[in-house]
N, C-alpha and C. Protein backbone atom coordinates (compact mmCIF):
# COMPACT_ATOMS: atom_id res chain seq x y z
N MET A 1 0.01 2.40 21.13
CA MET A 1 0.91 2.08 20.33
C MET A 1 1.14 2.42 18.76
N SER A 2 2.37 2.01 18.57
CA SER A 2 3.32 3.05 17.88
C SER A 2 3.46 2.42 16.73
N SER A 3 2.56 2.74 15.10
CA SER A 3 2.59 2.29 13.80
C SER A 3 4.00 2.32 13.03
N ARG A 4 4.99 2.40 13.30
CA ARG A 4 6.18 3.42 13.07
C ARG A 4 7.89 1.84 13.22
N PRO A 5 7.91 1.68 12.07
CA PRO A 5 9.05 0.62 12.61
C PRO A 5 9.82 0.89 12.76
N SER A 6 10.80 1.15 13.62
CA SER A 6 11.85 0.99 14.18
C SER A 6 12.65 1.59 13.46
N GLY A 7 13.39 2.62 12.97
CA GLY A 7 14.86 2.71 12.24
C GLY A 7 14.21 2.78 10.72
N ASN A 8 13.41 2.32 10.49
CA ASN A 8 12.50 2.94 9.66
C ASN A 8 12.03 3.56 9.27
N SER A 9 12.19 4.54 7.42
CA SER A 9 11.42 5.58 7.49
C SER A 9 10.01 5.19 6.32
N VAL A 10 8.75 5.79 6.97
CA VAL A 10 7.27 5.14 6.17
C VAL A 10 7.03 6.28 5.51
N PHE A 11 6.81 6.14 4.41
CA PHE A 11 5.82 7.38 3.18
C PHE A 11 4.52 6.89 3.05
N SER A 12 3.48 7.27 2.75
CA SER A 12 2.00 7.01 3.10
C SER A 12 1.10 8.03 1.80
N ALA A 13 0.82 7.49 1.20
CA ALA A 13 0.14 8.88 0.29
C ALA A 13 -1.02 8.20 0.05
N ALA A 14 -2.60 8.80 -0.35
CA ALA A 14 -3.09 8.45 -0.65
C ALA A 14 -3.56 8.87 -2.19
N PHE A 15 -4.07 7.87 -3.51
CA PHE A 15 -4.83 8.83 -4.52
C PHE A 15 -6.37 8.27 -5.00
N VAL A 16 -6.66 9.77 -5.59
CA VAL A 16 -8.02 9.73 -6.33
C VAL A 16 -7.68 9.74 -6.96
N ARG A 17 -8.86 8.89 -7.98
CA ARG A 17 -8.98 9.25 -9.70
C ARG A 17 -10.13 9.64 -9.77
N VAL A 18 -9.61 11.22 -10.17
CA VAL A 18 -11.09 12.50 -10.82
C VAL A 18 -10.61 12.43 -12.00
N ALA A 19 -11.62 13.51 -12.93
CA ALA A 19 -12.08 13.60 -13.79
C ALA A 19 -10.53 13.98 -14.88
N GLY A 20 -9.97 13.28 -15.22
CA GLY A 20 -8.73 13.37 -15.96
C GLY A 20 -7.01 13.47 -15.56
N GLY A 21 -7.75 12.33 -14.30
CA GLY A 21 -6.11 12.08 -13.97
C GLY A 21 -6.49 11.59 -12.44
N TRP A 22 -5.19 11.75 -11.73
CA TRP A 22 -4.98 11.53 -10.12
C TRP A 22 -5.25 12.83 -8.79
N ASN A 23 -5.72 12.97 -9.22
CA ASN A 23 -5.36 13.69 -6.83
C ASN A 23 -4.78 13.01 -5.79
N GLY A 24 -3.23 13.58 -5.05
CA GLY A 24 -2.70 12.77 -3.91
C GLY A 24 -2.88 13.99 -2.65
N ALA A 25 -2.86 12.86 -1.72
CA ALA A 25 -2.34 13.71 -0.50
C ALA A 25 -1.22 12.84 0.07
N GLU A 26 -0.56 12.82 0.99
CA GLU A 26 -0.05 12.63 2.30
C GLU A 26 -0.88 11.74 3.04
N VAL A 27 -0.96 11.16 3.71
CA VAL A 27 -2.28 10.08 4.41
C VAL A 27 -0.53 10.32 6.11
N ASP A 28 -1.37 10.81 7.04
CA ASP A 28 -0.44 10.05 8.22
C ASP A 28 -1.09 9.11 8.76
N LEU A 29 -0.47 7.88 8.77
CA LEU A 29 -1.24 6.62 9.32
C LEU A 29 -0.78 6.43 11.61
N GLY A 30 0.41 7.47 11.64
CA GLY A 30 0.93 7.04 12.74
C GLY A 30 -0.15 6.77 14.04
N ALA A 31 -1.12 7.50 14.08
CA ALA A 31 -2.23 7.11 14.51
C ALA A 31 -3.14 5.54 14.66
N ALA A 32 -2.70 4.27 13.98
CA ALA A 32 -3.62 3.68 13.38
C ALA A 32 -3.45 3.04 13.95
N GLU A 33 -4.58 2.22 15.05
CA GLU A 33 -4.66 0.75 15.90
C GLU A 33 -5.24 0.11 15.18
N ILE A 34 -6.51 0.21 14.55
CA ILE A 34 -6.96 -0.77 13.88
C ILE A 34 -7.07 -0.50 12.70
N ALA A 35 -6.91 -1.65 11.79
CA ALA A 35 -6.87 -1.77 10.20
C ALA A 35 -8.31 -0.74 9.36
N ASP A 36 -8.71 -0.65 10.42
CA ASP A 36 -9.80 0.37 9.69
C ASP A 36 -9.58 1.94 10.00
N ASP A 37 -8.61 1.76 10.96
CA ASP A 37 -7.94 3.65 10.69
C ASP A 37 -7.68 3.59 9.47
N LEU A 38 -6.98 2.46 8.80
CA LEU A 38 -6.24 3.27 7.72
C LEU A 38 -7.41 3.89 6.44
N GLY A 39 -8.34 3.56 6.55
CA GLY A 39 -9.39 3.69 5.65
C GLY A 39 -9.74 4.93 5.82
N ASP A 40 -9.70 5.24 7.26
CA ASP A 40 -10.80 6.59 7.65
C ASP A 40 -9.63 7.35 7.79
N ALA A 41 -8.44 7.12 7.99
CA ALA A 41 -7.07 8.11 7.35
C ALA A 41 -7.63 8.90 6.65
N VAL A 42 -7.36 7.98 5.08
CA VAL A 42 -7.88 7.90 3.96
C VAL A 42 -8.88 9.10 3.05
N GLN A 43 -10.58 8.16 4.14
CA GLN A 43 -11.21 8.64 3.49
C GLN A 43 -11.47 10.72 4.05
N GLU A 44 -10.91 10.11 5.01
CA GLU A 44 -10.60 12.01 5.51
C GLU A 44 -9.81 13.05 5.14
N ARG A 45 -8.51 12.57 4.93
CA ARG A 45 -7.90 13.34 3.83
C ARG A 45 -7.87 13.64 2.58
N LEU A 46 -8.83 12.34 1.24
CA LEU A 46 -9.11 12.77 1.02
C LEU A 46 -10.27 13.27 0.59
N ALA A 47 -11.43 13.68 1.66
CA ALA A 47 -12.34 13.71 1.53
C ALA A 47 -13.44 13.58 0.29
N LEU A 48 -13.74 12.31 0.39
CA LEU A 48 -14.09 10.92 0.22
C LEU A 48 -15.54 11.03 0.76
N ASN A 49 -16.45 11.11 -1.21
CA ASN A 49 -17.67 11.13 -0.61
C ASN A 49 -18.73 10.76 -1.27
N GLY A 50 -18.40 9.48 -2.24
CA GLY A 50 -19.14 8.36 -2.83
C GLY A 50 -18.41 6.89 -3.05
N ASP A 51 -18.75 7.02 -4.26
CA ASP A 51 -18.07 5.99 -5.29
C ASP A 51 -16.76 6.05 -6.10
N GLU A 52 -15.63 7.45 -5.32
CA GLU A 52 -14.05 7.51 -6.16
C GLU A 52 -13.51 6.13 -5.79
N LEU A 53 -12.27 6.22 -6.71
CA LEU A 53 -11.12 4.80 -6.93
C LEU A 53 -10.59 5.44 -5.96
N ALA A 54 -10.32 4.90 -4.91
CA ALA A 54 -8.69 6.08 -4.40
C ALA A 54 -7.82 5.05 -3.81
N LEU A 55 -6.28 4.81 -3.74
CA LEU A 55 -5.64 4.32 -3.67
C LEU A 55 -4.55 4.90 -2.55
N LEU A 56 -4.26 3.37 -1.32
CA LEU A 56 -3.36 4.27 -0.29
C LEU A 56 -2.10 3.16 -0.72
N CYS A 57 -0.90 4.01 -1.69
CA CYS A 57 0.12 3.52 -1.12
C CYS A 57 1.40 4.16 -0.08
N VAL A 58 1.90 2.63 0.78
CA VAL A 58 2.33 2.54 1.53
C VAL A 58 4.70 1.96 1.42
N GLU A 59 4.86 3.02 1.62
CA GLU A 59 6.52 2.26 1.36
C GLU A 59 7.00 2.72 2.87
N VAL A 60 8.06 1.34 3.40
CA VAL A 60 8.34 1.75 4.56
C VAL A 60 9.89 0.83 4.37
N GLU A 61 10.61 2.20 3.81
CA GLU A 61 12.19 2.03 3.51
C GLU A 61 13.19 0.70 3.41
N ASP A 62 13.41 0.35 2.04
CA ASP A 62 14.38 -0.91 2.20
C ASP A 62 13.17 -2.30 2.78
N GLU A 63 12.47 -2.53 2.89
CA GLU A 63 12.19 -3.38 3.52
C GLU A 63 10.13 -3.75 3.08
N TRP A 64 9.22 -2.98 2.12
CA TRP A 64 8.21 -3.30 1.91
C TRP A 64 7.21 -2.25 1.37
N PHE A 65 6.00 -2.67 0.72
CA PHE A 65 5.09 -2.12 0.64
C PHE A 65 3.46 -2.47 -0.02
N ALA A 66 2.74 -1.00 0.64
CA ALA A 66 1.35 -2.17 0.38
C ALA A 66 0.73 -1.32 -0.15
N ILE A 67 -0.37 -1.36 -1.03
CA ILE A 67 -1.29 -0.91 -2.24
C ILE A 67 -2.99 -1.08 -1.85
N VAL A 68 -3.87 -0.20 -0.75
CA VAL A 68 -5.13 -0.62 -0.43
C VAL A 68 -6.13 0.10 -1.19
N ARG A 69 -7.17 -0.41 -1.77
CA ARG A 69 -8.16 -0.03 -3.07
C ARG A 69 -8.94 -0.21 -2.25
N TYR A 70 -9.25 1.58 -1.96
CA TYR A 70 -10.76 1.51 -1.63
C TYR A 70 -12.17 1.88 -2.38
N GLN A 71 -12.90 1.52 -2.68
CA GLN A 71 -13.94 1.84 -3.75
C GLN A 71 -15.01 1.94 -2.94
N GLY A 72 -16.15 3.08 -2.92
CA GLY A 72 -17.05 3.15 -2.08
C GLY A 72 -17.38 2.30 -0.79
N ASP A 73 -18.25 1.28 -1.23
CA ASP A 73 -18.75 0.73 0.18
C ASP A 73 -18.49 -0.41 0.19
N GLN A 74 -17.12 -0.83 -1.04
CA GLN A 74 -16.90 -2.87 -1.47
C GLN A 74 -15.77 -2.43 0.23
N GLU A 75 -15.60 -3.78 0.27
CA GLU A 75 -14.48 -4.35 1.14
C GLU A 75 -12.99 -3.47 0.38
N PRO A 76 -12.51 -2.97 1.04
CA PRO A 76 -10.79 -2.84 0.69
C PRO A 76 -10.22 -4.17 -0.15
N ARG A 77 -9.37 -3.89 -0.88
CA ARG A 77 -8.27 -4.75 -1.12
C ARG A 77 -6.63 -4.19 -1.54
N THR A 78 -6.01 -5.48 -0.64
CA THR A 78 -4.69 -4.83 -0.24
C THR A 78 -3.75 -6.01 -0.88
N PHE A 79 -2.61 -5.12 -1.51
CA PHE A 79 -1.26 -6.08 -1.67
C PHE A 79 -1.19 -5.91 -0.47
N LEU A 80 0.09 -6.99 -0.59
CA LEU A 80 1.45 -6.53 0.73
C LEU A 80 2.72 -7.36 0.00
N SER A 81 3.31 -6.21 -0.04
CA SER A 81 4.85 -7.18 -0.94
C SER A 81 6.04 -8.06 -0.71
N ASP A 82 5.40 -8.38 0.80
CA ASP A 82 5.71 -9.28 1.87
C ASP A 82 5.03 -9.64 2.73
N ALA A 83 4.62 -10.52 2.96
CA ALA A 83 3.16 -11.30 3.65
C ALA A 83 4.33 -10.67 5.48
N GLN A 84 5.54 -11.35 5.19
CA GLN A 84 6.37 -11.10 6.71
C GLN A 84 6.17 -10.04 7.21
N ALA A 85 5.97 -8.49 6.79
CA ALA A 85 6.11 -7.28 7.05
C ALA A 85 5.64 -7.39 8.69
N GLY A 86 4.25 -7.77 9.23
CA GLY A 86 3.84 -7.39 10.95
C GLY A 86 4.46 -8.28 12.08
N ILE A 87 5.94 -8.22 11.46
CA ILE A 87 6.90 -9.42 12.44
C ILE A 87 7.99 -8.64 12.31
N SER A 88 8.10 -7.07 11.83
CA SER A 88 8.83 -6.41 12.25
C SER A 88 8.16 -4.84 12.68
N ASP A 89 6.86 -4.62 12.27
CA ASP A 89 6.08 -3.44 12.87
C ASP A 89 4.60 -3.82 12.84
N GLU A 90 4.16 -3.06 13.35
CA GLU A 90 2.76 -2.37 13.63
C GLU A 90 1.92 -2.32 12.74
N LEU A 91 2.45 -1.51 11.57
CA LEU A 91 2.32 -1.14 10.71
C LEU A 91 1.85 -1.90 9.69
N GLY A 92 2.63 -3.01 9.50
CA GLY A 92 2.39 -4.01 8.77
C GLY A 92 2.21 -4.87 8.99
N LYS A 93 2.02 -5.66 10.53
CA LYS A 93 1.00 -6.09 10.74
C LYS A 93 -1.03 -5.96 10.28
N LEU A 94 -0.75 -4.60 10.61
CA LEU A 94 -2.05 -3.68 9.67
C LEU A 94 -3.06 -4.65 8.98
N PHE A 95 -1.44 -4.42 7.81
CA PHE A 95 -1.67 -4.00 6.10
C PHE A 95 -1.46 -5.82 6.15
N GLY A 96 -0.95 -6.39 6.83
CA GLY A 96 -1.43 -8.23 6.91
C GLY A 96 -2.46 -8.20 7.11
N GLU A 97 -3.03 -7.76 8.25
CA GLU A 97 -5.09 -7.76 8.52
C GLU A 97 -5.88 -7.98 7.26
N LEU A 98 -5.57 -6.39 6.90
CA LEU A 98 -6.56 -6.13 5.62
C LEU A 98 -5.95 -7.22 4.50
N ALA A 99 -4.95 -7.78 4.29
CA ALA A 99 -4.20 -8.65 2.79
C ALA A 99 -4.54 -10.18 2.80
N GLY A 100 -4.82 -10.05 4.73
CA GLY A 100 -5.58 -11.72 4.96
C GLY A 100 -4.51 -12.88 5.41
N VAL A 101 -3.07 -12.25 5.82
CA VAL A 101 -2.09 -12.88 6.12
C VAL A 101 -1.56 -12.81 7.83
N ALA A 102 -1.23 -13.36 8.00
CA ALA A 102 -0.27 -13.55 9.27
C ALA A 102 1.15 -14.25 9.06
N PRO A 103 2.33 -12.95 9.17
CA PRO A 103 3.77 -13.64 9.45
C PRO A 103 3.90 -14.99 10.07
N ASP A 104 5.04 -15.69 9.09
CA ASP A 104 5.43 -16.72 10.22
C ASP A 104 6.22 -16.52 11.03
N ARG A 105 5.74 -16.22 12.35
CA ARG A 105 6.46 -16.20 12.91
C ARG A 105 7.92 -17.54 13.61
N GLU A 106 7.26 -18.69 12.82
CA GLU A 106 7.82 -20.07 13.23
C GLU A 106 9.00 -19.97 12.10
N THR A 107 9.15 -19.70 10.49
CA THR A 107 10.75 -19.34 9.74
C THR A 107 10.35 -18.19 9.60
N PRO A 108 11.04 -16.71 10.26
CA PRO A 108 11.04 -15.75 9.74
C PRO A 108 11.51 -15.24 9.01
N ASP A 109 13.31 -16.02 8.69
CA ASP A 109 14.02 -15.83 7.36
C ASP A 109 13.21 -16.70 5.61
N LEU A 110 11.55 -16.42 5.29
CA LEU A 110 11.04 -17.22 4.16
C LEU A 110 11.26 -16.77 3.33
N GLY A 111 12.23 -15.01 3.05
CA GLY A 111 11.92 -14.49 1.97
C GLY A 111 10.92 -13.84 1.74
N VAL A 112 10.91 -12.94 0.77
CA VAL A 112 9.93 -12.04 0.13
C VAL A 112 8.91 -12.67 -0.45
N ARG A 113 7.80 -12.90 0.51
CA ARG A 113 6.06 -13.50 -0.97
C ARG A 113 5.69 -12.67 -0.24
N PRO A 114 4.86 -11.92 -1.25
CA PRO A 114 3.87 -11.25 -1.29
C PRO A 114 2.78 -12.36 -1.29
N ALA A 115 1.60 -11.11 -1.31
CA ALA A 115 0.12 -11.79 -0.12
C ALA A 115 -1.03 -10.70 -0.85
N GLY A 116 -2.48 -11.15 0.07
CA GLY A 116 -3.24 -10.27 -0.42
C GLY A 116 -3.27 -10.44 -1.58
N ASP A 117 -4.57 -9.04 -2.43
CA ASP A 117 -5.16 -9.61 -3.05
C ASP A 117 -3.87 -8.91 -4.80
N PHE A 118 -3.86 -9.80 -5.11
CA PHE A 118 -3.18 -9.81 -6.94
C PHE A 118 -3.89 -9.09 -7.71
N GLU A 119 -4.66 -9.13 -8.05
CA GLU A 119 -5.43 -8.52 -9.30
C GLU A 119 -5.97 -7.46 -8.91
N LEU A 120 -5.76 -6.09 -7.97
CA LEU A 120 -6.27 -5.73 -7.36
C LEU A 120 -6.20 -3.98 -8.69
N LEU A 121 -4.91 -4.23 -9.25
CA LEU A 121 -4.93 -3.00 -10.24
C LEU A 121 -4.89 -3.88 -11.13
N SER A 122 -5.50 -4.86 -11.95
CA SER A 122 -5.61 -5.39 -13.88
C SER A 122 -6.40 -4.87 -13.91
N ASP A 123 -7.57 -4.31 -13.57
CA ASP A 123 -8.50 -3.00 -14.37
C ASP A 123 -7.53 -1.61 -14.80
N LEU A 124 -6.85 -1.56 -13.73
CA LEU A 124 -5.83 -0.51 -14.26
C LEU A 124 -4.94 -0.02 -14.54
N GLY A 125 -4.08 -0.67 -15.54
CA GLY A 125 -3.08 -1.65 -16.05
C GLY A 125 -2.21 -2.19 -15.95
N VAL A 126 -2.10 -2.99 -14.33
CA VAL A 126 -0.88 -3.60 -14.11
C VAL A 126 -1.64 -4.89 -13.62
N SER A 127 -1.19 -5.77 -14.55
CA SER A 127 -1.71 -7.69 -14.74
C SER A 127 -1.17 -8.07 -12.98
N SER A 128 -1.95 -9.20 -12.50
CA SER A 128 -1.26 -9.66 -11.48
C SER A 128 -0.04 -10.04 -11.54
N ASP A 129 0.56 -10.57 -12.57
CA ASP A 129 1.52 -11.24 -12.94
C ASP A 129 2.83 -10.29 -12.78
N GLU A 130 2.69 -9.06 -13.26
CA GLU A 130 3.51 -8.17 -13.57
C GLU A 130 3.60 -7.49 -11.72
N LEU A 131 2.72 -7.69 -10.87
CA LEU A 131 2.80 -6.56 -9.95
C LEU A 131 3.88 -7.54 -8.52
N ILE A 132 3.45 -8.99 -8.77
CA ILE A 132 4.50 -9.69 -8.35
C ILE A 132 5.65 -9.88 -9.06
N GLU A 133 5.86 -9.55 -10.22
CA GLU A 133 7.21 -9.82 -10.60
C GLU A 133 8.39 -8.38 -9.91
N LEU A 134 7.25 -7.35 -10.31
CA LEU A 134 7.58 -6.04 -9.87
C LEU A 134 7.94 -6.07 -8.10
N SER A 135 7.13 -6.68 -7.02
CA SER A 135 7.12 -6.51 -5.50
C SER A 135 8.41 -7.51 -5.39
N MET A 136 8.66 -8.21 -6.31
CA MET A 136 9.81 -9.76 -6.53
C MET A 136 11.47 -9.64 -6.94
N GLU A 137 11.39 -8.03 -7.33
CA GLU A 137 12.04 -8.14 -8.25
C GLU A 137 13.57 -7.54 -7.36
N GLU A 138 15.13 -8.46 -7.48
CA GLU A 138 15.46 -8.45 -6.32
C GLU A 138 16.26 -6.67 -6.61
N GLY A 139 16.69 -6.45 -5.29
CA GLY A 139 17.19 -5.31 -5.51
C GLY A 139 16.89 -4.18 -5.61
N VAL A 140 15.82 -4.23 -5.88
CA VAL A 140 14.85 -2.77 -6.15
C VAL A 140 13.82 -2.97 -4.70
N LEU A 141 14.60 -1.21 -4.70
CA LEU A 141 13.07 -0.58 -3.13
C LEU A 141 11.97 -0.20 -2.90
N PRO A 142 10.96 -0.20 -2.43
CA PRO A 142 10.02 0.08 -1.97
C PRO A 142 9.67 0.94 -2.97
N ALA A 143 10.15 1.81 -3.14
CA ALA A 143 9.66 2.98 -3.29
C ALA A 143 9.47 3.20 -4.42
N ASP A 144 11.12 2.57 -5.87
CA ASP A 144 11.09 2.47 -7.01
C ASP A 144 9.96 1.69 -7.19
N THR A 145 9.39 0.59 -7.32
CA THR A 145 8.98 -0.12 -7.32
C THR A 145 7.22 0.67 -7.70
N LEU A 146 7.01 1.25 -6.42
CA LEU A 146 5.76 2.51 -6.50
C LEU A 146 6.25 3.42 -6.96
N SER A 147 7.36 3.94 -7.61
CA SER A 147 7.30 4.62 -8.40
C SER A 147 6.85 4.13 -10.16
N VAL A 148 7.35 2.64 -9.83
CA VAL A 148 7.05 2.31 -11.33
C VAL A 148 5.21 1.96 -11.29
N ILE A 149 4.47 1.81 -10.64
CA ILE A 149 3.21 1.30 -10.60
C ILE A 149 2.43 3.12 -10.50
N ALA A 150 2.86 3.36 -9.93
CA ALA A 150 2.04 4.53 -10.37
C ALA A 150 2.24 5.49 -11.77
N GLU A 151 3.86 5.35 -12.56
CA GLU A 151 4.04 5.79 -13.72
C GLU A 151 2.97 5.04 -14.38
N ARG A 152 2.76 3.86 -14.23
CA ARG A 152 1.87 2.88 -14.92
C ARG A 152 0.58 3.43 -14.41
N LEU A 153 -0.02 4.01 -13.69
CA LEU A 153 -1.21 4.32 -13.48
C LEU A 153 -1.29 6.04 -13.74
N ALA A 154 -0.06 6.17 -14.65
CA ALA A 154 -0.70 7.59 -14.54
C ALA A 154 -1.07 8.31 -13.22
N PHE A 155 0.07 8.22 -12.24
CA PHE A 155 -0.05 9.37 -11.12
C PHE A 155 1.09 9.49 -10.26
N ALA A 156 2.35 8.89 -11.53
CA ALA A 156 3.16 9.52 -11.01
C ALA A 156 4.13 11.24 -10.80
N ASP A 157 3.49 12.32 -11.34
CA ASP A 157 3.57 13.61 -11.46
C ASP A 157 3.60 13.11 -9.55
N GLU A 158 2.56 13.07 -9.21
CA GLU A 158 1.30 13.07 -8.17
C GLU A 158 2.55 12.82 -6.85
N LEU A 159 2.71 11.19 -6.85
CA LEU A 159 3.38 11.14 -5.59
C LEU A 159 4.96 11.76 -5.97
N ASP A 160 5.11 12.33 -7.09
CA ASP A 160 6.73 12.90 -7.26
C ASP A 160 6.27 14.68 -6.19
N ARG A 161 5.12 14.88 -6.38
CA ARG A 161 5.08 16.20 -6.01
C ARG A 161 4.86 15.82 -3.98
N LEU A 162 4.54 14.68 -3.73
CA LEU A 162 4.24 14.51 -2.33
C LEU A 162 5.66 13.39 -1.38
N ARG A 163 6.43 13.44 -2.12
CA ARG A 163 7.52 12.60 -1.33
C ARG A 163 8.42 14.25 -1.22
């Protein structure tokens, strides 16, 4: 099963919090078939071995972005910038599953509707209101939104290095 949306580029990277900042690495999600595969890819790429805080950031050009927070044995917490992402591609469907939403196929033109855990970055400095506002800002690309979030969380240099 292809997890790439047709016609759009996908960028995915994971960041682990370390003493003094963050380390990041690109993560290939092309082989992901189930939601657990996303976490496995992050675990493997970052060589996580404990209670580290890791964030998986994915952007699908001009369409949507997702952030998944992994921390130790806790269930992953997911924010998806558009609940309808699963209509256009399989990767969006996986993130929708993690966020606990299914796209509304009856009315696909609902507009952008963020979904999932709006609080997943609150303790790091991005409130739920800010996250929603950033994701719904008209005319702003997912890459730009993730750059703003990365700047706020102090891993913008790592994100830029990977892009």
